[in-house]
PDB file of N, CA and C in Angstrom:
ATOM      1  N   MET A   1     -24.278 -22.313  13.388  1.00  0.00           N
ATOM      2  CA  MET A   1     -23.396 -21.252  13.836  1.00  0.00           C
ATOM      3  C   MET A   1     -24.225 -19.984  14.030  1.00  0.00           C
ATOM      4  N   LYS A   2     -23.992 -19.311  15.127  1.00  0.00           N
ATOM      5  CA  LYS A   2     -24.752 -18.108  15.429  1.00  0.00           C
ATOM      6  C   LYS A   2     -24.337 -16.959  14.506  1.00  0.00           C
ATOM      7  N   THR A   3     -25.250 -16.020  14.326  1.00  0.00           N
ATOM      8  CA  THR A   3     -25.044 -14.904  13.403  1.00  0.00           C
ATOM      9  C   THR A   3     -23.799 -14.080  13.711  1.00  0.00           C
ATOM     10  N   PRO A   4     -23.533 -13.689  14.970  1.00  0.00           N
ATOM     11  CA  PRO A   4     -22.351 -12.854  15.202  1.00  0.00           C
ATOM     12  C   PRO A   4     -21.043 -13.525  14.785  1.00  0.00           C
ATOM     13  N   ILE A   5     -20.922 -14.802  15.077  1.00  0.00           N
ATOM     14  CA  ILE A   5     -19.696 -15.519  14.713  1.00  0.00           C
ATOM     15  C   ILE A   5     -19.609 -15.685  13.202  1.00  0.00           C
ATOM     16  N   LYS A   6     -20.735 -15.977  12.585  1.00  0.00           N
ATOM     17  CA  LYS A   6     -20.769 -16.168  11.140  1.00  0.00           C
ATOM     18  C   LYS A   6     -20.334 -14.901  10.405  1.00  0.00           C
ATOM     19  N   VAL A   7     -20.889 -13.748  10.786  1.00  0.00           N
ATOM     20  CA  VAL A   7     -20.541 -12.509  10.084  1.00  0.00           C
ATOM     21  C   VAL A   7     -19.120 -12.051  10.421  1.00  0.00           C
ATOM     22  N   ALA A   8     -18.657 -12.346  11.637  1.00  0.00           N
ATOM     23  CA  ALA A   8     -17.277 -12.002  11.987  1.00  0.00           C
ATOM     24  C   ALA A   8     -16.300 -12.818  11.142  1.00  0.00           C
ATOM     25  N   PHE A   9     -16.556 -14.119  11.003  1.00  0.00           N
ATOM     26  CA  PHE A   9     -15.711 -14.951  10.153  1.00  0.00           C
ATOM     27  C   PHE A   9     -15.782 -14.514   8.697  1.00  0.00           C
ATOM     28  N   LEU A  10     -16.958 -14.147   8.257  1.00  0.00           N
ATOM     29  CA  LEU A  10     -17.128 -13.699   6.873  1.00  0.00           C
ATOM     30  C   LEU A  10     -16.299 -12.450   6.616  1.00  0.00           C
ATOM     31  N   SER A  11     -16.330 -11.509   7.538  1.00  0.00           N
ATOM     32  CA  SER A  11     -15.525 -10.291   7.385  1.00  0.00           C
ATOM     33  C   SER A  11     -14.035 -10.581   7.537  1.00  0.00           C
ATOM     34  N   ALA A  12     -13.689 -11.516   8.399  1.00  0.00           N
ATOM     35  CA  ALA A  12     -12.280 -11.796   8.657  1.00  0.00           C
ATOM     36  C   ALA A  12     -11.617 -12.547   7.508  1.00  0.00           C
ATOM     37  N   PHE A  13     -12.347 -13.465   6.873  1.00  0.00           N
ATOM     38  CA  PHE A  13     -11.711 -14.341   5.899  1.00  0.00           C
ATOM     39  C   PHE A  13     -12.042 -14.036   4.445  1.00  0.00           C
ATOM     40  N   THR A  14     -12.893 -13.054   4.183  1.00  0.00           N
ATOM     41  CA  THR A  14     -13.133 -12.674   2.791  1.00  0.00           C
ATOM     42  C   THR A  14     -12.576 -11.281   2.545  1.00  0.00           C
ATOM     43  N   PHE A  15     -13.309 -10.264   2.907  1.00  0.00           N
ATOM     44  CA  PHE A  15     -12.847  -8.887   2.779  1.00  0.00           C
ATOM     45  C   PHE A  15     -13.617  -8.025   3.768  1.00  0.00           C
ATOM     46  N   PRO A  16     -13.060  -6.870   4.140  1.00  0.00           N
ATOM     47  CA  PRO A  16     -13.769  -6.002   5.081  1.00  0.00           C
ATOM     48  C   PRO A  16     -15.119  -5.580   4.516  1.00  0.00           C
ATOM     49  N   GLY A  17     -16.154  -5.735   5.302  1.00  0.00           N
ATOM     50  CA  GLY A  17     -17.496  -5.352   4.871  1.00  0.00           C
ATOM     51  C   GLY A  17     -18.356  -6.521   4.442  1.00  0.00           C
ATOM     52  N   ALA A  18     -17.780  -7.696   4.267  1.00  0.00           N
ATOM     53  CA  ALA A  18     -18.562  -8.850   3.806  1.00  0.00           C
ATOM     54  C   ALA A  18     -19.644  -9.225   4.810  1.00  0.00           C
ATOM     55  N   GLY A  19     -19.325  -9.165   6.083  1.00  0.00           N
ATOM     56  CA  GLY A  19     -20.320  -9.464   7.112  1.00  0.00           C
ATOM     57  C   GLY A  19     -21.452  -8.448   7.123  1.00  0.00           C
ATOM     58  N   HIS A  20     -21.134  -7.209   6.800  1.00  0.00           N
ATOM     59  CA  HIS A  20     -22.155  -6.165   6.735  1.00  0.00           C
ATOM     60  C   HIS A  20     -23.134  -6.445   5.594  1.00  0.00           C
ATOM     61  N   PHE A  21     -22.598  -6.881   4.462  1.00  0.00           N
ATOM     62  CA  PHE A  21     -23.480  -7.225   3.348  1.00  0.00           C
ATOM     63  C   PHE A  21     -24.385  -8.399   3.705  1.00  0.00           C
ATOM     64  N   PHE A  22     -23.850  -9.376   4.431  1.00  0.00           N
ATOM     65  CA  PHE A  22     -24.645 -10.521   4.861  1.00  0.00           C
ATOM     66  C   PHE A  22     -25.810 -10.069   5.746  1.00  0.00           C
ATOM     67  N   LEU A  23     -25.546  -9.062   6.586  1.00  0.00           N
ATOM     68  CA  LEU A  23     -26.581  -8.540   7.482  1.00  0.00           C
ATOM     69  C   LEU A  23     -27.468  -7.489   6.814  1.00  0.00           C
ATOM     70  N   LYS A  24     -27.247  -7.269   5.527  1.00  0.00           N
ATOM     71  CA  LYS A  24     -27.995  -6.271   4.750  1.00  0.00           C
ATOM     72  C   LYS A  24     -27.778  -4.850   5.267  1.00  0.00           C
ATOM     73  N   LYS A  25     -26.586  -4.601   5.787  1.00  0.00           N
ATOM     74  CA  LYS A  25     -26.154  -3.253   6.191  1.00  0.00           C
ATOM     75  C   LYS A  25     -25.256  -2.740   5.064  1.00  0.00           C
ATOM     76  N   TYR A  26     -25.899  -2.318   3.978  1.00  0.00           N
ATOM     77  CA  TYR A  26     -25.167  -2.025   2.748  1.00  0.00           C
ATOM     78  C   TYR A  26     -24.290  -0.775   2.825  1.00  0.00           C
ATOM     79  N   ILE A  27     -24.752   0.278   3.465  1.00  0.00           N
ATOM     80  CA  ILE A  27     -23.980   1.521   3.518  1.00  0.00           C
ATOM     81  C   ILE A  27     -22.646   1.310   4.254  1.00  0.00           C
ATOM     82  N   PRO A  28     -22.653   0.751   5.480  1.00  0.00           N
ATOM     83  CA  PRO A  28     -21.350   0.515   6.127  1.00  0.00           C
ATOM     84  C   PRO A  28     -20.486  -0.480   5.352  1.00  0.00           C
ATOM     85  N   GLY A  29     -21.118  -1.472   4.745  1.00  0.00           N
ATOM     86  CA  GLY A  29     -20.362  -2.454   3.957  1.00  0.00           C
ATOM     87  C   GLY A  29     -19.675  -1.810   2.769  1.00  0.00           C
ATOM     88  N   ILE A  30     -20.403  -0.980   2.047  1.00  0.00           N
ATOM     89  CA  ILE A  30     -19.827  -0.284   0.891  1.00  0.00           C
ATOM     90  C   ILE A  30     -18.722   0.663   1.343  1.00  0.00           C
ATOM     91  N   LEU A  31     -18.941   1.354   2.454  1.00  0.00           N
ATOM     92  CA  LEU A  31     -17.930   2.271   2.971  1.00  0.00           C
ATOM     93  C   LEU A  31     -16.639   1.527   3.325  1.00  0.00           C
ATOM     94  N   LEU A  32     -16.755   0.393   3.989  1.00  0.00           N
ATOM     95  CA  LEU A  32     -15.566  -0.394   4.339  1.00  0.00           C
ATOM     96  C   LEU A  32     -14.844  -0.914   3.096  1.00  0.00           C
ATOM     97  N   VAL A  33     -15.607  -1.368   2.102  1.00  0.00           N
ATOM     98  CA  VAL A  33     -14.997  -1.868   0.870  1.00  0.00           C
ATOM     99  C   VAL A  33     -14.285  -0.736   0.133  1.00  0.00           C
ATOM    100  N   LEU A  34     -14.915   0.426   0.065  1.00  0.00           N
ATOM    101  CA  LEU A  34     -14.293   1.558  -0.637  1.00  0.00           C
ATOM    102  C   LEU A  34     -13.013   2.021   0.059  1.00  0.00           C
ATOM    103  N   ILE A  35     -13.023   2.074   1.377  1.00  0.00           N
ATOM    104  CA  ILE A  35     -11.810   2.450   2.110  1.00  0.00           C
ATOM    105  C   ILE A  35     -10.715   1.417   1.868  1.00  0.00           C
ATOM    106  N   TYR A  36     -11.083   0.139   1.867  1.00  0.00           N
ATOM    107  CA  TYR A  36     -10.109  -0.927   1.625  1.00  0.00           C
ATOM    108  C   TYR A  36      -9.513  -0.810   0.222  1.00  0.00           C
ATOM    109  N   ILE A  37     -10.347  -0.546  -0.773  1.00  0.00           N
ATOM    110  CA  ILE A  37      -9.864  -0.382  -2.145  1.00  0.00           C
ATOM    111  C   ILE A  37      -8.945   0.832  -2.245  1.00  0.00           C
ATOM    112  N   LEU A  38      -9.287   1.907  -1.554  1.00  0.00           N
ATOM    113  CA  LEU A  38      -8.455   3.105  -1.563  1.00  0.00           C
ATOM    114  C   LEU A  38      -7.075   2.817  -0.960  1.00  0.00           C
ATOM    115  N   ILE A  39      -7.044   2.109   0.150  1.00  0.00           N
ATOM    116  CA  ILE A  39      -5.764   1.755   0.775  1.00  0.00           C
ATOM    117  C   ILE A  39      -4.950   0.858  -0.164  1.00  0.00           C
ATOM    118  N   LEU A  40      -5.602  -0.103  -0.799  1.00  0.00           N
ATOM    119  CA  LEU A  40      -4.890  -0.985  -1.739  1.00  0.00           C
ATOM    120  C   LEU A  40      -4.381  -0.213  -2.949  1.00  0.00           C
ATOM    121  N   ALA A  41      -5.125   0.811  -3.380  1.00  0.00           N
ATOM    122  CA  ALA A  41      -4.675   1.638  -4.504  1.00  0.00           C
ATOM    123  C   ALA A  41      -3.387   2.383  -4.143  1.00  0.00           C
ATOM    124  N   PHE A  42      -3.318   2.909  -2.920  1.00  0.00           N
ATOM    125  CA  PHE A  42      -2.088   3.567  -2.475  1.00  0.00           C
ATOM    126  C   PHE A  42      -0.932   2.572  -2.425  1.00  0.00           C
ATOM    127  N   LEU A  43      -1.207   1.369  -1.957  1.00  0.00           N
ATOM    128  CA  LEU A  43      -0.186   0.335  -1.902  1.00  0.00           C
ATOM    129  C   LEU A  43       0.309  -0.009  -3.307  1.00  0.00           C
ATOM    130  N   LEU A  44      -0.606  -0.192  -4.236  1.00  0.00           N
ATOM    131  CA  LEU A  44      -0.240  -0.530  -5.610  1.00  0.00           C
ATOM    132  C   LEU A  44       0.535   0.607  -6.269  1.00  0.00           C
ATOM    133  N   LYS A  45       0.128   1.837  -6.010  1.00  0.00           N
ATOM    134  CA  LYS A  45       0.824   3.004  -6.568  1.00  0.00           C
ATOM    135  C   LYS A  45       2.263   3.039  -6.098  1.00  0.00           C
ATOM    136  N   ASP A  46       2.484   2.806  -4.809  1.00  0.00           N
ATOM    137  CA  ASP A  46       3.848   2.790  -4.274  1.00  0.00           C
ATOM    138  C   ASP A  46       4.663   1.634  -4.838  1.00  0.00           C
ATOM    139  N   LEU A  47       4.066   0.467  -4.925  1.00  0.00           N
ATOM    140  CA  LEU A  47       4.789  -0.685  -5.466  1.00  0.00           C
ATOM    141  C   LEU A  47       5.164  -0.478  -6.930  1.00  0.00           C
ATOM    142  N   MET A  48       4.271   0.116  -7.702  1.00  0.00           N
ATOM    143  CA  MET A  48       4.572   0.381  -9.114  1.00  0.00           C
ATOM    144  C   MET A  48       5.669   1.429  -9.254  1.00  0.00           C
ATOM    145  N   ALA A  49       5.701   2.412  -8.355  1.00  0.00           N
ATOM    146  CA  ALA A  49       6.758   3.422  -8.398  1.00  0.00           C
ATOM    147  C   ALA A  49       8.122   2.788  -8.134  1.00  0.00           C
ATOM    148  N   VAL A  50       8.155   1.753  -7.318  1.00  0.00           N
ATOM    149  CA  VAL A  50       9.414   1.060  -7.036  1.00  0.00           C
ATOM    150  C   VAL A  50       9.780   0.134  -8.184  1.00  0.00           C
ATOM    151  N   MET A  51       8.801  -0.534  -8.749  1.00  0.00           N
ATOM    152  CA  MET A  51       9.073  -1.533  -9.785  1.00  0.00           C
ATOM    153  C   MET A  51       9.357  -0.924 -11.161  1.00  0.00           C
ATOM    154  N   GLU A  52       8.860   0.278 -11.431  1.00  0.00           N
ATOM    155  CA  GLU A  52       9.034   0.869 -12.762  1.00  0.00           C
ATOM    156  C   GLU A  52      10.506   1.036 -13.156  1.00  0.00           C
ATOM    157  N   PRO A  53      11.371   1.575 -12.278  1.00  0.00           N
ATOM    158  CA  PRO A  53      12.788   1.658 -12.677  1.00  0.00           C
ATOM    159  C   PRO A  53      13.412   0.292 -12.952  1.00  0.00           C
ATOM    160  N   LEU A  54      13.010  -0.713 -12.198  1.00  0.00           N
ATOM    161  CA  LEU A  54      13.529  -2.061 -12.457  1.00  0.00           C
ATOM    162  C   LEU A  54      13.075  -2.576 -13.812  1.00  0.00           C
ATOM    163  N   MET A  55      11.806  -2.312 -14.152  1.00  0.00           N
ATOM    164  CA  MET A  55      11.295  -2.766 -15.456  1.00  0.00           C
ATOM    165  C   MET A  55      12.011  -2.050 -16.602  1.00  0.00           C
ATOM    166  N   VAL A  56      12.307  -0.776 -16.418  1.00  0.00           N
ATOM    167  CA  VAL A  56      13.024  -0.020 -17.444  1.00  0.00           C
ATOM    168  C   VAL A  56      14.427  -0.586 -17.628  1.00  0.00           C
ATOM    169  N   GLN A  57      15.099  -0.922 -16.522  1.00  0.00           N
ATOM    170  CA  GLN A  57      16.433  -1.503 -16.619  1.00  0.00           C
ATOM    171  C   GLN A  57      16.406  -2.874 -17.284  1.00  0.00           C
ATOM    172  N   ILE A  58      15.381  -3.654 -17.027  1.00  0.00           N
ATOM    173  CA  ILE A  58      15.258  -4.966 -17.667  1.00  0.00           C
ATOM    174  C   ILE A  58      15.014  -4.796 -19.160  1.00  0.00           C
ATOM    175  N   GLU A  59      14.122  -3.859 -19.532  1.00  0.00           N
ATOM    176  CA  GLU A  59      13.844  -3.620 -20.956  1.00  0.00           C
ATOM    177  C   GLU A  59      15.074  -3.100 -21.691  1.00  0.00           C
ATOM    178  N   ALA A  60      15.896  -2.300 -21.021  1.00  0.00           N
ATOM    179  CA  ALA A  60      17.100  -1.753 -21.646  1.00  0.00           C
ATOM    180  C   ALA A  60      18.216  -2.788 -21.741  1.00  0.00           C
ATOM    181  N   GLY A  61      18.055  -3.910 -21.066  1.00  0.00           N
ATOM    182  CA  GLY A  61      19.061  -4.958 -21.108  1.00  0.00           C
ATOM    183  C   GLY A  61      20.139  -4.803 -20.051  1.00  0.00           C
ATOM    184  N   ASN A  62      19.960  -3.865 -19.127  1.00  0.00           N
ATOM    185  CA  ASN A  62      20.953  -3.654 -18.072  1.00  0.00           C
ATOM    186  C   ASN A  62      20.868  -4.703 -16.966  1.00  0.00           C
ATOM    187  N   LEU A  63      19.708  -5.322 -16.806  1.00  0.00           N
ATOM    188  CA  LEU A  63      19.522  -6.364 -15.801  1.00  0.00           C
ATOM    189  C   LEU A  63      19.211  -7.674 -16.505  1.00  0.00           C
ATOM    190  N   PRO A  64      19.852  -8.761 -16.071  1.00  0.00           N
ATOM    191  CA  PRO A  64      19.549 -10.052 -16.693  1.00  0.00           C
ATOM    192  C   PRO A  64      18.169 -10.556 -16.274  1.00  0.00           C
ATOM    193  N   LEU A  65      17.605 -11.401 -17.084  1.00  0.00           N
ATOM    194  CA  LEU A  65      16.290 -11.954 -16.793  1.00  0.00           C
ATOM    195  C   LEU A  65      16.360 -13.184 -15.891  1.00  0.00           C
ATOM    196  N   ALA A  66      17.477 -13.409 -15.283  1.00  0.00           N
ATOM    197  CA  ALA A  66      17.629 -14.537 -14.364  1.00  0.00           C
ATOM    198  C   ALA A  66      16.845 -14.254 -13.087  1.00  0.00           C
ATOM    199  N   ILE A  67      16.087 -15.228 -12.654  1.00  0.00           N
ATOM    200  CA  ILE A  67      15.227 -15.058 -11.477  1.00  0.00           C
ATOM    201  C   ILE A  67      16.056 -14.745 -10.236  1.00  0.00           C
ATOM    202  N   ALA A  68      17.187 -15.392 -10.069  1.00  0.00           N
ATOM    203  CA  ALA A  68      18.015 -15.171  -8.887  1.00  0.00           C
ATOM    204  C   ALA A  68      18.498 -13.722  -8.799  1.00  0.00           C
ATOM    205  N   SER A  69      18.930 -13.155  -9.922  1.00  0.00           N
ATOM    206  CA  SER A  69      19.426 -11.777  -9.888  1.00  0.00           C
ATOM    207  C   SER A  69      18.290 -10.785  -9.659  1.00  0.00           C
ATOM    208  N   MET A  70      17.127 -11.025 -10.254  1.00  0.00           N
ATOM    209  CA  MET A  70      15.980 -10.134 -10.023  1.00  0.00           C
ATOM    210  C   MET A  70      15.516 -10.220  -8.576  1.00  0.00           C
ATOM    211  N   LYS A  71      15.543 -11.423  -8.013  1.00  0.00           N
ATOM    212  CA  LYS A  71      15.145 -11.593  -6.615  1.00  0.00           C
ATOM    213  C   LYS A  71      16.083 -10.827  -5.698  1.00  0.00           C
ATOM    214  N   GLU A  72      17.374 -10.903  -5.961  1.00  0.00           N
ATOM    215  CA  GLU A  72      18.357 -10.202  -5.139  1.00  0.00           C
ATOM    216  C   GLU A  72      18.158  -8.681  -5.214  1.00  0.00           C
ATOM    217  N   ILE A  73      17.951  -8.160  -6.404  1.00  0.00           N
ATOM    218  CA  ILE A  73      17.731  -6.716  -6.577  1.00  0.00           C
ATOM    219  C   ILE A  73      16.442  -6.296  -5.886  1.00  0.00           C
ATOM    220  N   PHE A  74      15.415  -7.092  -6.046  1.00  0.00           N
ATOM    221  CA  PHE A  74      14.114  -6.760  -5.447  1.00  0.00           C
ATOM    222  C   PHE A  74      14.200  -6.764  -3.929  1.00  0.00           C
ATOM    223  N   LEU A  75      14.885  -7.744  -3.351  1.00  0.00           N
ATOM    224  CA  LEU A  75      14.991  -7.835  -1.893  1.00  0.00           C
ATOM    225  C   LEU A  75      15.868  -6.737  -1.303  1.00  0.00           C
ATOM    226  N   ASN A  76      16.826  -6.240  -2.077  1.00  0.00           N
ATOM    227  CA  ASN A  76      17.698  -5.172  -1.592  1.00  0.00           C
ATOM    228  C   ASN A  76      17.056  -3.799  -1.691  1.00  0.00           C
ATOM    229  N   GLN A  77      15.949  -3.706  -2.407  1.00  0.00           N
ATOM    230  CA  GLN A  77      15.295  -2.423  -2.613  1.00  0.00           C
ATOM    231  C   GLN A  77      14.114  -2.296  -1.652  1.00  0.00           C
ATOM    232  N   SER A  78      13.811  -1.074  -1.277  1.00  0.00           N
ATOM    233  CA  SER A  78      12.653  -0.823  -0.422  1.00  0.00           C
ATOM    234  C   SER A  78      11.386  -1.162  -1.196  1.00  0.00           C
ATOM    235  N   LEU A  79      10.411  -1.736  -0.513  1.00  0.00           N
ATOM    236  CA  LEU A  79       9.169  -2.108  -1.186  1.00  0.00           C
ATOM    237  C   LEU A  79       8.257  -0.921  -1.440  1.00  0.00           C
ATOM    238  N   PHE A  80       8.560   0.212  -0.862  1.00  0.00           N
ATOM    239  CA  PHE A  80       7.695   1.365  -1.000  1.00  0.00           C
ATOM    240  C   PHE A  80       8.507   2.557  -1.476  1.00  0.00           C
ATOM    241  N   ALA A  81       7.900   3.346  -2.354  1.00  0.00           N
ATOM    242  CA  ALA A  81       8.569   4.531  -2.857  1.00  0.00           C
ATOM    243  C   ALA A  81       8.682   5.584  -1.765  1.00  0.00           C
ATOM    244  N   ASN A  82       7.694   5.656  -0.921  1.00  0.00           N
ATOM    245  CA  ASN A  82       7.644   6.648   0.138  1.00  0.00           C
ATOM    246  C   ASN A  82       7.725   5.925   1.480  1.00  0.00           C
ATOM    247  N   GLU A  83       8.774   6.171   2.229  1.00  0.00           N
ATOM    248  CA  GLU A  83       8.961   5.458   3.497  1.00  0.00           C
ATOM    249  C   GLU A  83       7.860   5.780   4.509  1.00  0.00           C
ATOM    250  N   ASN A  84       7.275   6.977   4.450  1.00  0.00           N
ATOM    251  CA  ASN A  84       6.175   7.310   5.349  1.00  0.00           C
ATOM    252  C   ASN A  84       4.963   6.437   5.061  1.00  0.00           C
ATOM    253  N   THR A  85       4.699   6.216   3.791  1.00  0.00           N
ATOM    254  CA  THR A  85       3.574   5.375   3.395  1.00  0.00           C
ATOM    255  C   THR A  85       3.816   3.929   3.810  1.00  0.00           C
ATOM    256  N   SER A  86       5.050   3.476   3.717  1.00  0.00           N
ATOM    257  CA  SER A  86       5.341   2.081   4.013  1.00  0.00           C
ATOM    258  C   SER A  86       5.031   1.728   5.460  1.00  0.00           C
ATOM    259  N   SER A  87       5.137   2.694   6.349  1.00  0.00           N
ATOM    260  CA  SER A  87       4.851   2.385   7.742  1.00  0.00           C
ATOM    261  C   SER A  87       3.365   2.476   8.060  1.00  0.00           C
ATOM    262  N   VAL A  88       2.601   3.160   7.238  1.00  0.00           N
ATOM    263  CA  VAL A  88       1.187   3.387   7.531  1.00  0.00           C
ATOM    264  C   VAL A  88       0.277   2.349   6.868  1.00  0.00           C
ATOM    265  N   ILE A  89       0.566   1.968   5.656  1.00  0.00           N
ATOM    266  CA  ILE A  89      -0.346   1.114   4.881  1.00  0.00           C
ATOM    267  C   ILE A  89      -0.630  -0.228   5.555  1.00  0.00           C
ATOM    268  N   PRO A  90       0.360  -0.992   5.988  1.00  0.00           N
ATOM    269  CA  PRO A  90       0.020  -2.280   6.622  1.00  0.00           C
ATOM    270  C   PRO A  90      -0.843  -2.118   7.879  1.00  0.00           C
ATOM    271  N   TYR A  91      -0.543  -1.100   8.665  1.00  0.00           N
ATOM    272  CA  TYR A  91      -1.353  -0.859   9.866  1.00  0.00           C
ATOM    273  C   TYR A  91      -2.770  -0.424   9.502  1.00  0.00           C
ATOM    274  N   ALA A  92      -2.894   0.372   8.450  1.00  0.00           N
ATOM    275  CA  ALA A  92      -4.220   0.818   8.021  1.00  0.00           C
ATOM    276  C   ALA A  92      -5.062  -0.364   7.543  1.00  0.00           C
ATOM    277  N   ILE A  93      -4.449  -1.274   6.797  1.00  0.00           N
ATOM    278  CA  ILE A  93      -5.171  -2.464   6.331  1.00  0.00           C
ATOM    279  C   ILE A  93      -5.597  -3.322   7.523  1.00  0.00           C
ATOM    280  N   GLY A  94      -4.672  -3.567   8.441  1.00  0.00           N
ATOM    281  CA  GLY A  94      -4.997  -4.376   9.620  1.00  0.00           C
ATOM    282  C   GLY A  94      -6.066  -3.741  10.487  1.00  0.00           C
ATOM    283  N   LEU A  95      -5.964  -2.429  10.694  1.00  0.00           N
ATOM    284  CA  LEU A  95      -6.945  -1.729  11.514  1.00  0.00           C
ATOM    285  C   LEU A  95      -8.323  -1.756  10.868  1.00  0.00           C
ATOM    286  N   LEU A  96      -8.375  -1.521   9.563  1.00  0.00           N
ATOM    287  CA  LEU A  96      -9.662  -1.555   8.862  1.00  0.00           C
ATOM    288  C   LEU A  96     -10.289  -2.945   8.959  1.00  0.00           C
ATOM    289  N   TRP A  97      -9.475  -3.983   8.793  1.00  0.00           N
ATOM    290  CA  TRP A  97      -9.983  -5.346   8.868  1.00  0.00           C
ATOM    291  C   TRP A  97     -10.504  -5.649  10.271  1.00  0.00           C
ATOM    292  N   LEU A  98      -9.758  -5.227  11.278  1.00  0.00           N
ATOM    293  CA  LEU A  98     -10.177  -5.446  12.662  1.00  0.00           C
ATOM    294  C   LEU A  98     -11.474  -4.706  12.973  1.00  0.00           C
ATOM    295  N   ILE A  99     -11.573  -3.459  12.535  1.00  0.00           N
ATOM    296  CA  ILE A  99     -12.805  -2.684  12.742  1.00  0.00           C
ATOM    297  C   ILE A  99     -13.979  -3.370  12.061  1.00  0.00           C
ATOM    298  N   SER A 100     -13.746  -3.876  10.856  1.00  0.00           N
ATOM    299  CA  SER A 100     -14.813  -4.554  10.117  1.00  0.00           C
ATOM    300  C   SER A 100     -15.303  -5.795  10.856  1.00  0.00           C
ATOM    301  N   VAL A 101     -14.368  -6.594  11.378  1.00  0.00           N
ATOM    302  CA  VAL A 101     -14.736  -7.825  12.089  1.00  0.00           C
ATOM    303  C   VAL A 101     -15.493  -7.496  13.369  1.00  0.00           C
ATOM    304  N   ILE A 102     -14.979  -6.541  14.140  1.00  0.00           N
ATOM    305  CA  ILE A 102     -15.617  -6.181  15.408  1.00  0.00           C
ATOM    306  C   ILE A 102     -17.008  -5.592  15.168  1.00  0.00           C
ATOM    307  N   ASP A 103     -17.124  -4.715  14.173  1.00  0.00           N
ATOM    308  CA  ASP A 103     -18.423  -4.103  13.904  1.00  0.00           C
ATOM    309  C   ASP A 103     -19.422  -5.129  13.366  1.00  0.00           C
ATOM    310  N   ALA A 104     -18.966  -6.046  12.527  1.00  0.00           N
ATOM    311  CA  ALA A 104     -19.862  -7.090  12.028  1.00  0.00           C
ATOM    312  C   ALA A 104     -20.339  -7.973  13.179  1.00  0.00           C
ATOM    313  N   TYR A 105     -19.435  -8.306  14.094  1.00  0.00           N
ATOM    314  CA  TYR A 105     -19.814  -9.097  15.264  1.00  0.00           C
ATOM    315  C   TYR A 105     -20.843  -8.347  16.113  1.00  0.00           C
ATOM    316  N   ARG A 106     -20.593  -7.049  16.326  1.00  0.00           N
ATOM    317  CA  ARG A 106     -21.510  -6.222  17.115  1.00  0.00           C
ATOM    318  C   ARG A 106     -22.895  -6.170  16.462  1.00  0.00           C
ATOM    319  N   LEU A 107     -22.926  -5.962  15.153  1.00  0.00           N
ATOM    320  CA  LEU A 107     -24.208  -5.918  14.449  1.00  0.00           C
ATOM    321  C   LEU A 107     -24.886  -7.283  14.441  1.00  0.00           C
ATOM    322  N   GLY A 108     -24.087  -8.349  14.400  1.00  0.00           N
ATOM    323  CA  GLY A 108     -24.653  -9.694  14.479  1.00  0.00           C
ATOM    324  C   GLY A 108     -25.293  -9.960  15.828  1.00  0.00           C
ATOM    325  N   LEU A 109     -24.676  -9.468  16.891  1.00  0.00           N
ATOM    326  CA  LEU A 109     -25.283  -9.595  18.225  1.00  0.00           C
ATOM    327  C   LEU A 109     -26.617  -8.856  18.291  1.00  0.00           C
ATOM    328  N   ILE A 110     -26.655  -7.658  17.725  1.00  0.00           N
ATOM    329  CA  ILE A 110     -27.904  -6.890  17.698  1.00  0.00           C
ATOM    330  C   ILE A 110     -28.962  -7.627  16.897  1.00  0.00           C
ATOM    331  N   GLU A 111     -28.560  -8.194  15.779  1.00  0.00           N
ATOM    332  CA  GLU A 111     -29.494  -8.949  14.926  1.00  0.00           C
ATOM    333  C   GLU A 111     -30.056 -10.154  15.680  1.00  0.00           C
ATOM    334  N   ASP A 112     -29.178 -10.900  16.364  1.00  0.00           N
ATOM    335  CA  ASP A 112     -29.646 -12.051  17.151  1.00  0.00           C
ATOM    336  C   ASP A 112     -30.587 -11.622  18.268  1.00  0.00           C
ATOM    337  N   THR A 113     -30.274 -10.524  18.930  1.00  0.00           N
ATOM    338  CA  THR A 113     -31.131 -10.019  20.011  1.00  0.00           C
ATOM    339  C   THR A 113     -32.488  -9.625  19.463  1.00  0.00           C
ATOM    340  N   ASN A 114     -32.524  -8.979  18.309  1.00  0.00           N
ATOM    341  CA  ASN A 114     -33.806  -8.598  17.699  1.00  0.00           C
ATOM    342  C   ASN A 114     -34.639  -9.815  17.309  1.00  0.00           C
ATOM    343  N   ILE A 115     -33.969 -10.851  16.806  1.00  0.00           N
ATOM    344  CA  ILE A 115     -34.688 -12.074  16.415  1.00  0.00           C
ATOM    345  C   ILE A 115     -35.252 -12.760  17.637  1.00  0.00           C
ATOM    346  N   GLU A 116     -34.467 -12.828  18.730  1.00  0.00           N
ATOM    347  CA  GLU A 116     -34.953 -13.470  19.960  1.00  0.00           C
ATOM    348  C   GLU A 116     -36.093 -12.672  20.592  1.00  0.00           C
ATOM    349  N   ASP A 117     -36.054 -11.347  20.496  1.00  0.00           N
ATOM    350  CA  ASP A 117     -37.118 -10.512  21.064  1.00  0.00           C
ATOM    351  C   ASP A 117     -38.438 -10.687  20.295  1.00  0.00           C
ATOM    352  N   GLN A 118     -38.345 -11.006  19.012  1.00  0.00           N
ATOM    353  CA  GLN A 118     -39.549 -11.179  18.209  1.00  0.00           C
ATOM    354  C   GLN A 118     -40.207 -12.513  18.478  1.00  0.00           C
ATOM    355  N   LYS A 119     -39.491 -13.474  19.050  1.00  0.00           N
ATOM    356  CA  LYS A 119     -40.069 -14.804  19.312  1.00  0.00           C
ATOM    357  C   LYS A 119     -40.948 -14.810  20.502  1.00  0.00           C
TER     358      LYS A 119
END
């Protein structure tokens, strides 16, 4: 498998920046991983803000521990505490992943061209 395809698949199916690490492009790889972790932290913060009142109600005994009732309450509630964040986070994750795959592919093409020029 050629380098551009290999690093694109690596970035697409593991995490953003994985292809960069394979190509020894550590700074862009670390930057992509840090941005991805930051986006996931915002996602987790919003999800915990939504789940905390439910956990308090369960601990107080106001909600039964039946899976069906918890599922119904969870599905009826918004998944995000902030509706503005809910519309941005999935797109930000997808965009970051796409940028990572495209950039890894681009760098893989450059790497292959450099290897062929040295032969």
